[in-house]
Amino acid sequence: MLLTDSRADDVQVVSSEVLARGHVWDVRRDRFEFGGDMLERDYVDHTGAVSVLALDDADRVLLVRQYRHSTGFRLWEIPAGLMDVAGESGLAGAQRELEEEADLRAEDWHLLLDIFLSPGGSTEAMRVFLARDLSPVEHDFVRAGEEAELKPEWVELGEVVAAVLDGRVQNTVTANAVLAAEAARARGWSTLRDPELPWTGRAAVRGERSH
């Protein structure tokens, strides 16, 4: 059986309204017909995001620890950020985030994963890139708020995988990215994809903020 997620073009939204407008994303309510019934669902209308698993020549992963207020935890994460620049591609967004959060640029980019972070209640589509052949870069971006305390740590890929599997690292994106990278490494990196492939997941989600 070939497993492929598919767009549900047969489900038509009858009405959609914004219940609350936020600083970064909104909460939206849709009414739609499904299986002969009229259903109503609320969800976070998200801009989408990108993340970067930066890997050095020793197969060490770049991690940063960031305070996430909704959890009350400082979480170990790979660099990531919102797709909040109009017209920016996923790859360009990832390159920007790597510079802003880690002061790095990469010459070698591949697409590692496309995921929906919380499909039960959010439109957030995340594209995860693998970045290699790294070098320092200077920029004028000033990290503020929770990002002001970011400090990079380089940890061997296998060690991060172990931390995910025993529950020491719980960030969704980091867990998905390092497990995918470990699987890709075991396959000689043959599963890596073109970083400029169309981002169909983000293009197809419900809501308006994601388009």
C-alpha atoms as a PDB file:
ATOM      1  CA  MET A   1       0.000   0.000   0.000  1.00  0.00           C
ATOM      2  CA  LEU A   2       1.351   3.397  -0.991  1.00  0.00           C
ATOM      3  CA  LEU A   3       0.806   5.830   1.888  1.00  0.00           C
ATOM      4  CA  THR A   4       0.118   9.333   0.614  1.00  0.00           C
ATOM      5  CA  ASP A   5      -1.715  12.164   2.375  1.00  0.00           C
ATOM      6  CA  SER A   6      -4.334  13.678   0.087  1.00  0.00           C
ATOM      7  CA  ARG A   7      -6.188  16.975  -0.074  1.00  0.00           C
ATOM      8  CA  ALA A   8      -9.883  16.534   0.818  1.00  0.00           C
ATOM      9  CA  ASP A   9     -11.300  18.538  -2.084  1.00  0.00           C
ATOM     10  CA  ASP A  10     -14.720  16.988  -1.525  1.00  0.00           C
ATOM     11  CA  VAL A  11     -15.128  18.832   1.811  1.00  0.00           C
ATOM     12  CA  GLN A  12     -16.479  22.315   1.132  1.00  0.00           C
ATOM     13  CA  VAL A  13     -16.496  25.117   3.708  1.00  0.00           C
ATOM     14  CA  VAL A  14     -19.914  26.776   3.927  1.00  0.00           C
ATOM     15  CA  SER A  15     -18.861  29.677   6.174  1.00  0.00           C
ATOM     16  CA  SER A  16     -15.744  30.884   7.951  1.00  0.00           C
ATOM     17  CA  GLU A  17     -15.312  33.575  10.605  1.00  0.00           C
ATOM     18  CA  VAL A  18     -12.476  34.909  12.740  1.00  0.00           C
ATOM     19  CA  LEU A  19     -13.274  34.473  16.434  1.00  0.00           C
ATOM     20  CA  ALA A  20     -10.151  36.179  17.760  1.00  0.00           C
ATOM     21  CA  ARG A  21      -7.298  38.082  16.185  1.00  0.00           C
ATOM     22  CA  GLY A  22      -3.877  37.574  17.728  1.00  0.00           C
ATOM     23  CA  HIS A  23      -0.459  39.153  17.435  1.00  0.00           C
ATOM     24  CA  VAL A  24       0.833  36.295  15.275  1.00  0.00           C
ATOM     25  CA  TRP A  25      -2.156  34.076  14.380  1.00  0.00           C
ATOM     26  CA  ASP A  26      -5.948  34.058  14.575  1.00  0.00           C
ATOM     27  CA  VAL A  27      -8.598  31.647  15.837  1.00  0.00           C
ATOM     28  CA  ARG A  28     -11.110  30.768  13.126  1.00  0.00           C
ATOM     29  CA  ARG A  29     -14.435  28.888  13.050  1.00  0.00           C
ATOM     30  CA  ASP A  30     -15.543  26.987   9.945  1.00  0.00           C
ATOM     31  CA  ARG A  31     -18.863  25.340   9.120  1.00  0.00           C
ATOM     32  CA  PHE A  32     -18.658  22.563   6.544  1.00  0.00           C
ATOM     33  CA  GLU A  33     -20.619  19.595   5.225  1.00  0.00           C
ATOM     34  CA  PHE A  34     -19.101  16.198   5.917  1.00  0.00           C
ATOM     35  CA  GLY A  35     -20.759  12.825   5.356  1.00  0.00           C
ATOM     36  CA  GLY A  36     -24.181  14.405   5.046  1.00  0.00           C
ATOM     37  CA  ASP A  37     -23.850  16.335   8.319  1.00  0.00           C
ATOM     38  CA  MET A  38     -23.107  20.023   8.926  1.00  0.00           C
ATOM     39  CA  LEU A  39     -20.115  20.303  11.264  1.00  0.00           C
ATOM     40  CA  GLU A  40     -18.451  23.236  13.034  1.00  0.00           C
ATOM     41  CA  ARG A  41     -14.783  23.348  14.014  1.00  0.00           C
ATOM     42  CA  ASP A  42     -12.512  25.995  15.572  1.00  0.00           C
ATOM     43  CA  TYR A  43      -8.784  26.122  14.822  1.00  0.00           C
ATOM     44  CA  VAL A  44      -5.682  28.305  14.909  1.00  0.00           C
ATOM     45  CA  ASP A  45      -5.142  29.952  11.515  1.00  0.00           C
ATOM     46  CA  HIS A  46      -1.345  29.829  11.355  1.00  0.00           C
ATOM     47  CA  THR A  47       1.149  31.420   8.967  1.00  0.00           C
ATOM     48  CA  GLY A  48       3.251  28.273   8.634  1.00  0.00           C
ATOM     49  CA  ALA A  49       6.870  27.914   9.717  1.00  0.00           C
ATOM     50  CA  VAL A  50      10.270  26.553   8.769  1.00  0.00           C
ATOM     51  CA  SER A  51      13.047  24.923  10.763  1.00  0.00           C
ATOM     52  CA  VAL A  52      16.659  23.993  10.108  1.00  0.00           C
ATOM     53  CA  LEU A  53      18.602  20.954  11.231  1.00  0.00           C
ATOM     54  CA  ALA A  54      22.150  22.265  10.868  1.00  0.00           C
ATOM     55  CA  LEU A  55      24.706  19.467  10.797  1.00  0.00           C
ATOM     56  CA  ASP A  56      28.474  20.014  10.944  1.00  0.00           C
ATOM     57  CA  ASP A  57      31.249  17.837   9.525  1.00  0.00           C
ATOM     58  CA  ALA A  58      31.295  15.711  12.705  1.00  0.00           C
ATOM     59  CA  ASP A  59      27.546  14.993  12.421  1.00  0.00           C
ATOM     60  CA  ARG A  60      26.780  17.302  15.332  1.00  0.00           C
ATOM     61  CA  VAL A  61      23.387  19.039  15.442  1.00  0.00           C
ATOM     62  CA  LEU A  62      23.025  22.708  16.300  1.00  0.00           C
ATOM     63  CA  LEU A  63      20.565  23.111  19.185  1.00  0.00           C
ATOM     64  CA  VAL A  64      19.357  26.196  21.019  1.00  0.00           C
ATOM     65  CA  ARG A  65      17.405  26.276  24.273  1.00  0.00           C
ATOM     66  CA  GLN A  66      14.403  28.611  24.173  1.00  0.00           C
ATOM     67  CA  TYR A  67      11.741  29.517  26.720  1.00  0.00           C
ATOM     68  CA  ARG A  68       8.245  28.614  25.483  1.00  0.00           C
ATOM     69  CA  HIS A  69       5.665  30.364  27.617  1.00  0.00           C
ATOM     70  CA  SER A  70       2.730  28.092  26.770  1.00  0.00           C
ATOM     71  CA  THR A  71       4.607  25.092  28.206  1.00  0.00           C
ATOM     72  CA  GLY A  72       6.493  26.798  31.035  1.00  0.00           C
ATOM     73  CA  PHE A  73       9.660  25.043  29.819  1.00  0.00           C
ATOM     74  CA  ARG A  74      12.919  25.997  28.226  1.00  0.00           C
ATOM     75  CA  LEU A  75      13.050  23.521  25.341  1.00  0.00           C
ATOM     76  CA  TRP A  76      15.976  22.265  23.280  1.00  0.00           C
ATOM     77  CA  GLU A  77      15.169  23.136  19.682  1.00  0.00           C
ATOM     78  CA  ILE A  78      16.646  23.413  16.235  1.00  0.00           C
ATOM     79  CA  PRO A  79      16.488  26.941  14.710  1.00  0.00           C
ATOM     80  CA  ALA A  80      12.964  27.713  13.509  1.00  0.00           C
ATOM     81  CA  GLY A  81      10.690  30.616  12.712  1.00  0.00           C
ATOM     82  CA  LEU A  82       7.472  31.837  11.179  1.00  0.00           C
ATOM     83  CA  MET A  83       6.797  32.282   7.494  1.00  0.00           C
ATOM     84  CA  ASP A  84       5.801  35.893   8.096  1.00  0.00           C
ATOM     85  CA  VAL A  85       7.656  37.632   5.250  1.00  0.00           C
ATOM     86  CA  ALA A  86       5.374  38.217   2.253  1.00  0.00           C
ATOM     87  CA  GLY A  87       6.403  36.279  -0.846  1.00  0.00           C
ATOM     88  CA  GLU A  88       9.289  34.472   0.867  1.00  0.00           C
ATOM     89  CA  SER A  89       9.904  30.850  -0.116  1.00  0.00           C
ATOM     90  CA  GLY A  90      10.377  28.123   2.461  1.00  0.00           C
ATOM     91  CA  LEU A  91      14.064  27.837   1.598  1.00  0.00           C
ATOM     92  CA  ALA A  92      14.635  31.591   1.850  1.00  0.00           C
ATOM     93  CA  GLY A  93      12.827  31.618   5.192  1.00  0.00           C
ATOM     94  CA  ALA A  94      15.023  28.805   6.490  1.00  0.00           C
ATOM     95  CA  GLN A  95      18.178  30.576   5.346  1.00  0.00           C
ATOM     96  CA  ARG A  96      17.023  33.743   7.116  1.00  0.00           C
ATOM     97  CA  GLU A  97      16.237  31.887  10.347  1.00  0.00           C
ATOM     98  CA  LEU A  98      19.619  30.133  10.399  1.00  0.00           C
ATOM     99  CA  GLU A  99      21.355  33.495  10.106  1.00  0.00           C
ATOM    100  CA  GLU A 100      19.159  35.247  12.683  1.00  0.00           C
ATOM    101  CA  GLU A 101      19.157  32.513  15.338  1.00  0.00           C
ATOM    102  CA  ALA A 102      22.567  30.907  14.847  1.00  0.00           C
ATOM    103  CA  ASP A 103      24.754  33.434  12.963  1.00  0.00           C
ATOM    104  CA  LEU A 104      25.396  30.806  10.296  1.00  0.00           C
ATOM    105  CA  ARG A 105      24.965  30.279   6.584  1.00  0.00           C
ATOM    106  CA  ALA A 106      25.017  26.966   4.733  1.00  0.00           C
ATOM    107  CA  GLU A 107      26.093  26.077   1.218  1.00  0.00           C
ATOM    108  CA  ASP A 108      24.343  22.680   1.135  1.00  0.00           C
ATOM    109  CA  TRP A 109      20.541  22.587   1.601  1.00  0.00           C
ATOM    110  CA  HIS A 110      18.070  19.714   1.352  1.00  0.00           C
ATOM    111  CA  LEU A 111      14.437  19.158   2.238  1.00  0.00           C
ATOM    112  CA  LEU A 112      14.215  16.741   5.167  1.00  0.00           C
ATOM    113  CA  LEU A 113      10.533  16.744   6.202  1.00  0.00           C
ATOM    114  CA  ASP A 114       7.122  18.316   5.646  1.00  0.00           C
ATOM    115  CA  ILE A 115       4.837  18.001   8.674  1.00  0.00           C
ATOM    116  CA  PHE A 116       1.598  19.361  10.120  1.00  0.00           C
ATOM    117  CA  LEU A 117       2.420  20.150  13.748  1.00  0.00           C
ATOM    118  CA  SER A 118      -1.075  19.952  15.255  1.00  0.00           C
ATOM    119  CA  PRO A 119      -3.577  18.943  12.557  1.00  0.00           C
ATOM    120  CA  GLY A 120      -6.395  18.504  15.076  1.00  0.00           C
ATOM    121  CA  GLY A 121      -6.535  22.209  15.798  1.00  0.00           C
ATOM    122  CA  SER A 122      -4.088  24.279  13.750  1.00  0.00           C
ATOM    123  CA  THR A 123      -3.231  24.952  10.106  1.00  0.00           C
ATOM    124  CA  GLU A 124       0.476  25.140  10.966  1.00  0.00           C
ATOM    125  CA  ALA A 125       2.516  23.469   8.239  1.00  0.00           C
ATOM    126  CA  MET A 126       6.224  23.102   8.976  1.00  0.00           C
ATOM    127  CA  ARG A 127       8.977  22.513   6.424  1.00  0.00           C
ATOM    128  CA  VAL A 128      12.202  21.104   7.895  1.00  0.00           C
ATOM    129  CA  PHE A 129      15.481  21.594   6.046  1.00  0.00           C
ATOM    130  CA  LEU A 130      18.867  19.927   6.459  1.00  0.00           C
ATOM    131  CA  ALA A 131      21.722  22.440   6.223  1.00  0.00           C
ATOM    132  CA  ARG A 132      25.398  21.462   5.867  1.00  0.00           C
ATOM    133  CA  ASP A 133      28.710  23.039   4.839  1.00  0.00           C
ATOM    134  CA  LEU A 134      28.287  25.772   7.442  1.00  0.00           C
ATOM    135  CA  SER A 135      30.171  29.026   7.983  1.00  0.00           C
ATOM    136  CA  PRO A 136      29.755  32.087  10.231  1.00  0.00           C
ATOM    137  CA  VAL A 137      27.867  35.100   8.918  1.00  0.00           C
ATOM    138  CA  GLU A 138      27.395  38.652  10.153  1.00  0.00           C
ATOM    139  CA  HIS A 139      23.994  40.349  10.102  1.00  0.00           C
ATOM    140  CA  ASP A 140      22.190  43.281  11.712  1.00  0.00           C
ATOM    141  CA  PHE A 141      19.315  41.292  13.235  1.00  0.00           C
ATOM    142  CA  VAL A 142      18.968  41.854  16.994  1.00  0.00           C
ATOM    143  CA  ARG A 143      17.510  38.956  18.979  1.00  0.00           C
ATOM    144  CA  ALA A 144      14.880  40.157  21.455  1.00  0.00           C
ATOM    145  CA  GLY A 145      12.366  38.701  23.906  1.00  0.00           C
ATOM    146  CA  GLU A 146      12.768  34.973  24.454  1.00  0.00           C
ATOM    147  CA  GLU A 147      15.317  34.812  21.637  1.00  0.00           C
ATOM    148  CA  ALA A 148      17.696  37.167  23.477  1.00  0.00           C
ATOM    149  CA  GLU A 149      19.009  34.296  25.623  1.00  0.00           C
ATOM    150  CA  LEU A 150      19.603  31.820  22.772  1.00  0.00           C
ATOM    151  CA  LYS A 151      22.981  30.133  22.977  1.00  0.00           C
ATOM    152  CA  PRO A 152      24.057  27.492  20.446  1.00  0.00           C
ATOM    153  CA  GLU A 153      25.100  24.007  21.533  1.00  0.00           C
ATOM    154  CA  TRP A 154      26.551  21.384  19.194  1.00  0.00           C
ATOM    155  CA  VAL A 155      25.483  17.817  20.060  1.00  0.00           C
ATOM    156  CA  GLU A 156      26.214  14.595  18.145  1.00  0.00           C
ATOM    157  CA  LEU A 157      23.166  13.434  16.185  1.00  0.00           C
ATOM    158  CA  GLY A 158      22.969  10.046  17.912  1.00  0.00           C
ATOM    159  CA  GLU A 159      23.060  11.700  21.332  1.00  0.00           C
ATOM    160  CA  VAL A 160      20.117  13.959  20.421  1.00  0.00           C
ATOM    161  CA  VAL A 161      18.187  10.941  19.133  1.00  0.00           C
ATOM    162  CA  ALA A 162      18.790   9.207  22.477  1.00  0.00           C
ATOM    163  CA  ALA A 163      17.568  12.309  24.326  1.00  0.00           C
ATOM    164  CA  VAL A 164      14.368  12.289  22.264  1.00  0.00           C
ATOM    165  CA  LEU A 165      13.725   8.594  22.837  1.00  0.00           C
ATOM    166  CA  ASP A 166      14.148   8.797  26.608  1.00  0.00           C
ATOM    167  CA  GLY A 167      12.059  11.943  26.958  1.00  0.00           C
ATOM    168  CA  ARG A 168      14.731  14.535  27.748  1.00  0.00           C
ATOM    169  CA  VAL A 169      14.003  16.442  24.519  1.00  0.00           C
ATOM    170  CA  GLN A 170      10.290  16.908  23.845  1.00  0.00           C
ATOM    171  CA  ASN A 171      10.050  19.656  21.230  1.00  0.00           C
ATOM    172  CA  THR A 172       7.944  18.281  18.351  1.00  0.00           C
ATOM    173  CA  VAL A 173       9.995  19.705  15.509  1.00  0.00           C
ATOM    174  CA  THR A 174      13.333  18.761  17.029  1.00  0.00           C
ATOM    175  CA  ALA A 175      12.154  15.197  17.686  1.00  0.00           C
ATOM    176  CA  ASN A 176      10.826  14.750  14.146  1.00  0.00           C
ATOM    177  CA  ALA A 177      13.899  16.325  12.565  1.00  0.00           C
ATOM    178  CA  VAL A 178      16.571  14.347  14.403  1.00  0.00           C
ATOM    179  CA  LEU A 179      14.741  11.032  14.009  1.00  0.00           C
ATOM    180  CA  ALA A 180      14.342  11.734  10.283  1.00  0.00           C
ATOM    181  CA  ALA A 181      18.000  12.718  10.005  1.00  0.00           C
ATOM    182  CA  GLU A 182      19.102   9.528  11.760  1.00  0.00           C
ATOM    183  CA  ALA A 183      16.939   7.461   9.386  1.00  0.00           C
ATOM    184  CA  ALA A 184      18.290   9.379   6.382  1.00  0.00           C
ATOM    185  CA  ARG A 185      21.882   8.896   7.548  1.00  0.00           C
ATOM    186  CA  ALA A 186      21.269   5.145   7.861  1.00  0.00           C
ATOM    187  CA  ARG A 187      20.162   5.205   4.213  1.00  0.00           C
ATOM    188  CA  GLY A 188      23.249   7.073   3.050  1.00  0.00           C
ATOM    189  CA  TRP A 189      21.240  10.330   2.846  1.00  0.00           C
ATOM    190  CA  SER A 190      19.454   8.980  -0.232  1.00  0.00           C
ATOM    191  CA  THR A 191      16.047  10.156   1.050  1.00  0.00           C
ATOM    192  CA  LEU A 192      16.901  13.870   0.994  1.00  0.00           C
ATOM    193  CA  ARG A 193      14.842  15.970  -1.417  1.00  0.00           C
ATOM    194  CA  ASP A 194      15.133  19.144  -3.463  1.00  0.00           C
ATOM    195  CA  PRO A 195      14.777  22.099  -1.033  1.00  0.00           C
ATOM    196  CA  GLU A 196      12.766  24.064  -3.587  1.00  0.00           C
ATOM    197  CA  LEU A 197      10.035  21.478  -4.176  1.00  0.00           C
ATOM    198  CA  PRO A 198       6.532  23.028  -4.109  1.00  0.00           C
ATOM    199  CA  TRP A 199       5.239  23.264  -0.536  1.00  0.00           C
ATOM    200  CA  THR A 200       1.852  21.696  -1.202  1.00  0.00           C
ATOM    201  CA  GLY A 201       0.987  21.213   2.465  1.00  0.00           C
ATOM    202  CA  ARG A 202       1.160  24.883   3.303  1.00  0.00           C
ATOM    203  CA  ALA A 203      -0.557  25.877   0.069  1.00  0.00           C
ATOM    204  CA  ALA A 204      -3.531  23.609   0.733  1.00  0.00           C
ATOM    205  CA  VAL A 205      -4.420  24.247   4.388  1.00  0.00           C
ATOM    206  CA  ARG A 206      -7.684  25.874   5.441  1.00  0.00           C
ATOM    207  CA  GLY A 207      -7.885  29.464   6.613  1.00  0.00           C
ATOM    208  CA  GLU A 208      -6.635  32.692   5.112  1.00  0.00           C
ATOM    209  CA  ARG A 209      -3.472  33.651   7.009  1.00  0.00           C
ATOM    210  CA  SER A 210      -1.566  30.750   5.428  1.00  0.00           C
ATOM    211  CA  HIS A 211      -2.071  31.821   1.808  1.00  0.00           C
END
